[in-house]
Each structure stands twice: as C-alpha cells, then as structure tokens.
Amino acid sequence: MTSELLDQALVEEATKKSGLIWVRGPEGPARALWHVWHEGAACLVGDGPGEQPLPGLADGGSAEVTVRSKDKGGRLVSWTAKVVELSSGSEAWEAAVAELKGKRLNAPDGEAMPERWARECRVLRLEPTGATAALPDGDLAAAPVPTSATTRRPIPAGLPKLLLKRRRRK
C-alpha cells in the first residue's frame, strides 16, 4: 500500500513540474506533448490547426506516459494512463480548458482560443491507472520521426558581410 501511494505521489509531482511529457499510444513512436496537470490527470489539447498532434490517442484507450526531469531532461518515471476525451462544453472540459489556456504559449487567437478548441480540437485527460514501469537499464534512443523540417542548409554568401557591417555601425 505504501509503495502504491509513493508511486502515485511521484507520478503527480513529476508530471506537474515537467513542461513536456512523452506519450506513446497503442501504435507508433512516443511524442513530446505539452500539458497541464489538473484534478489528478494530465490534460492535453491538440489535433486541430496550429495545435500539437495527438496520434493514436483515442477515448477509452491507453497510453504510456514518460516524464522527464525539468532541469536535467532525464527520465523520472513512466506510467500507464487511461485516455478520456472530454466533450466540448461539459463542466470537466471548461475546467481543463481554463487551465490549458493559461499555459498555451504563442496562441494565434488569444481570447478566442477556447472557442476554436471547441470547434476544431480535442481535449484529452490522461488519467493514471496506478501502474508505473521500472526504469530501463539500457539506452532507449530511437530514430527521429520523419519530417520535412531541416536545420542544415548552406548559409547565404552575403550573410557574413551583412553581420560585420552591423557590428561596425554600433
């Protein structure tokens, strides 16, 4: 009984303090998702234009959540969650959206965000089932998810001259 309470406290505190959680649905790789901890569960918003994707997370399904340390980025705990989709306009949805709205960075529509979420997005609760996974012994590094984004391109030929001119003017 005591170890169950300690596991529950670890899940709650670690998830509250972490800005990102890694969530793996029944299929596919784990994804980093922003969240808020609200009334005993991690709440997420996504699957709409301009919001994070929530692939494989279906109402009534399960997910594996891995929480990282905010300062070092290392794995703190992995736990199993039951996925619950909140219906738009319900009391639980309103409470979760109020919390999510305060944590959403760089929203394109500001105060109109909850209305857009009600029309175009899904709000999910990841409720802990009480099961935590043992920390792995080895490296669990995985290949990145395929994307069209790139960071490697040759710098424009004129860029060094432009940068040097700006420094000289000051």
Protein backbone atom coordinates (compact mmCIF):
# COMPACT_ATOMS: atom_id res chain seq x y z
CA MET A 1 0.00 0.00 0.00
CA THR A 2 2.79 2.42 0.90
CA SER A 3 4.66 1.83 -2.38
CA GLU A 4 1.42 2.48 -4.33
CA LEU A 5 0.99 5.82 -2.56
CA LEU A 6 4.63 6.72 -3.20
CA ASP A 7 4.26 5.82 -6.90
CA GLN A 8 1.11 7.95 -7.12
CA ALA A 9 2.86 10.89 -5.47
CA LEU A 10 5.88 10.51 -7.78
CA VAL A 11 3.66 10.47 -10.89
CA GLU A 12 1.73 13.53 -9.75
CA GLU A 13 4.68 15.66 -8.66
CA ALA A 14 6.91 14.76 -11.61
CA THR A 15 4.14 15.38 -14.15
CA LYS A 16 3.11 18.68 -12.52
CA LYS A 17 6.65 20.04 -12.68
CA SER A 18 7.59 18.84 -16.16
CA GLY A 19 6.81 21.09 -19.11
CA LEU A 20 6.71 18.17 -21.54
CA ILE A 21 5.66 14.58 -21.29
CA TRP A 22 6.41 11.82 -23.77
CA VAL A 23 3.24 9.97 -24.74
CA ARG A 24 3.06 6.72 -26.70
CA GLY A 25 -0.31 5.47 -27.88
CA PRO A 26 -1.05 1.87 -28.82
CA GLU A 27 0.87 2.33 -32.08
CA GLY A 28 3.74 4.48 -33.26
CA PRO A 29 6.55 6.32 -31.53
CA ALA A 30 6.33 8.40 -28.39
CA ARG A 31 5.73 12.13 -28.91
CA ALA A 32 6.65 15.08 -26.75
CA LEU A 33 3.46 16.92 -25.75
CA TRP A 34 2.85 19.98 -23.59
CA HIS A 35 0.22 19.53 -20.90
CA VAL A 36 -1.15 20.74 -17.60
CA TRP A 37 -1.81 18.64 -14.52
CA HIS A 38 -5.41 19.19 -13.46
CA GLU A 39 -7.51 17.27 -10.93
CA GLY A 40 -5.38 14.13 -10.93
CA ALA A 41 -4.65 13.81 -14.66
CA ALA A 42 -2.52 15.26 -17.44
CA CYS A 43 -4.70 17.36 -19.76
CA LEU A 44 -3.78 17.88 -23.42
CA VAL A 45 -5.22 19.82 -26.33
CA GLY A 46 -4.48 19.05 -29.97
CA ASP A 47 -5.43 17.61 -33.35
CA GLY A 48 -6.51 20.99 -34.66
CA PRO A 49 -4.92 23.64 -36.86
CA GLY A 50 -1.87 25.10 -35.14
CA GLU A 51 -2.03 22.63 -32.24
CA GLN A 52 0.03 19.56 -31.36
CA PRO A 53 -0.87 16.24 -33.00
CA LEU A 54 -2.34 13.53 -30.79
CA PRO A 55 -1.94 10.44 -32.99
CA GLY A 56 -3.24 7.15 -31.71
CA LEU A 57 -4.83 8.58 -28.58
CA ALA A 58 -8.47 7.52 -28.61
CA ASP A 59 -11.17 7.84 -25.97
CA GLY A 60 -11.15 4.77 -23.74
CA GLY A 61 -7.71 3.68 -24.96
CA SER A 62 -4.47 3.52 -23.06
CA ALA A 63 -1.16 5.32 -23.35
CA GLU A 64 2.29 5.12 -21.83
CA VAL A 65 3.49 8.41 -20.37
CA THR A 66 7.14 9.13 -19.65
CA VAL A 67 8.02 12.13 -17.53
CA ARG A 68 11.40 13.80 -17.76
CA SER A 69 13.26 15.94 -15.27
CA LYS A 70 12.78 19.63 -15.93
CA ASP A 71 16.39 20.54 -15.09
CA LYS A 72 18.42 17.61 -16.49
CA GLY A 73 15.97 16.13 -19.01
CA GLY A 74 16.44 12.55 -17.76
CA ARG A 75 13.61 10.08 -17.31
CA LEU A 76 11.97 10.26 -13.89
CA VAL A 77 9.00 7.91 -14.19
CA SER A 78 6.90 6.08 -16.77
CA TRP A 79 3.25 5.41 -16.07
CA THR A 80 0.23 3.93 -17.81
CA ALA A 81 -2.74 6.16 -18.49
CA LYS A 82 -6.36 5.75 -19.49
CA VAL A 83 -7.28 8.22 -22.27
CA VAL A 84 -10.53 10.14 -21.72
CA GLU A 85 -11.77 12.62 -24.33
CA LEU A 86 -13.69 15.50 -22.78
CA SER A 87 -16.81 16.61 -24.60
CA SER A 88 -16.79 20.26 -25.54
CA GLY A 89 -18.88 22.45 -23.27
CA SER A 90 -19.01 20.00 -20.36
CA GLU A 91 -18.02 21.13 -16.88
CA ALA A 92 -14.86 18.99 -16.98
CA TRP A 93 -13.96 20.40 -20.42
CA GLU A 94 -14.41 24.01 -19.21
CA ALA A 95 -12.20 23.41 -16.16
CA ALA A 96 -9.47 21.71 -18.22
CA VAL A 97 -9.55 24.41 -20.92
CA ALA A 98 -9.26 27.15 -18.28
CA GLU A 99 -6.01 25.54 -17.08
CA LEU A 100 -4.71 24.80 -20.61
CA LYS A 101 -5.42 28.34 -21.79
CA GLY A 102 -3.10 29.77 -19.15
CA LYS A 103 -0.23 27.54 -20.27
CA ARG A 104 -0.63 27.83 -24.07
CA LEU A 105 2.29 29.80 -25.48
CA ASN A 106 2.14 31.88 -28.68
CA ALA A 107 -1.53 31.28 -29.38
CA PRO A 108 -2.58 32.92 -32.65
CA ASP A 109 -6.05 33.90 -31.46
CA GLY A 110 -5.67 34.90 -27.79
CA GLU A 111 -9.02 35.14 -26.02
CA ALA A 112 -10.88 33.32 -28.85
CA MET A 113 -8.75 30.21 -28.27
CA PRO A 114 -11.36 28.22 -26.22
CA GLU A 115 -13.99 28.70 -28.94
CA ARG A 116 -11.53 27.43 -31.58
CA TRP A 117 -10.62 24.47 -29.39
CA ALA A 118 -14.33 23.64 -29.00
CA ARG A 119 -14.84 23.70 -32.79
CA GLU A 120 -11.63 22.20 -34.14
CA CYS A 121 -9.60 20.41 -31.45
CA ARG A 122 -9.76 17.58 -28.96
CA VAL A 123 -9.14 17.95 -25.23
CA LEU A 124 -7.91 14.76 -23.55
CA ARG A 125 -7.28 13.65 -19.99
CA LEU A 126 -4.58 11.08 -19.36
CA GLU A 127 -5.65 9.52 -16.07
CA PRO A 128 -3.03 7.41 -14.24
CA THR A 129 -4.07 3.78 -13.79
CA GLY A 130 -1.65 3.28 -10.90
CA ALA A 131 0.84 1.19 -12.88
CA THR A 132 4.37 2.53 -13.16
CA ALA A 133 7.09 0.94 -15.27
CA ALA A 134 10.53 0.07 -13.99
CA LEU A 135 13.30 2.32 -15.24
CA PRO A 136 15.21 0.70 -18.12
CA ASP A 137 18.80 -0.43 -17.80
CA GLY A 138 19.93 0.42 -21.31
CA ASP A 139 19.69 3.21 -23.82
CA LEU A 140 16.25 3.65 -25.39
CA ALA A 141 17.27 6.17 -28.04
CA ALA A 142 15.08 5.94 -31.13
CA ALA A 143 15.34 7.35 -34.62
CA PRO A 144 13.59 10.72 -35.00
CA VAL A 145 10.12 10.82 -36.52
CA PRO A 146 10.38 11.54 -40.29
CA THR A 147 9.74 15.19 -41.12
CA SER A 148 10.28 17.66 -43.91
CA ALA A 149 11.88 20.13 -41.47
CA THR A 150 15.60 20.69 -41.78
CA THR A 151 18.29 22.59 -39.94
CA ARG A 152 21.20 22.08 -42.33
CA ARG A 153 21.40 24.48 -45.25
CA PRO A 154 24.34 26.44 -46.58
CA ILE A 155 24.46 29.98 -45.24
CA PRO A 156 23.92 32.71 -47.84
CA ALA A 157 27.19 34.08 -49.26
CA GLY A 158 26.40 37.68 -48.27
CA LEU A 159 25.47 36.94 -44.64
CA PRO A 160 28.95 37.36 -43.12
CA LYS A 161 29.32 40.79 -44.77
CA LEU A 162 25.92 41.92 -43.50
CA LEU A 163 26.72 40.82 -39.97
CA LEU A 164 30.10 42.56 -39.98
CA LYS A 165 28.60 45.84 -41.28
CA ARG A 166 26.05 45.93 -38.46
CA ARG A 167 28.75 45.48 -35.83
CA ARG A 168 30.87 48.29 -37.25
CA ARG A 169 27.99 50.79 -37.22
CA LYS A 170 27.47 50.42 -33.48
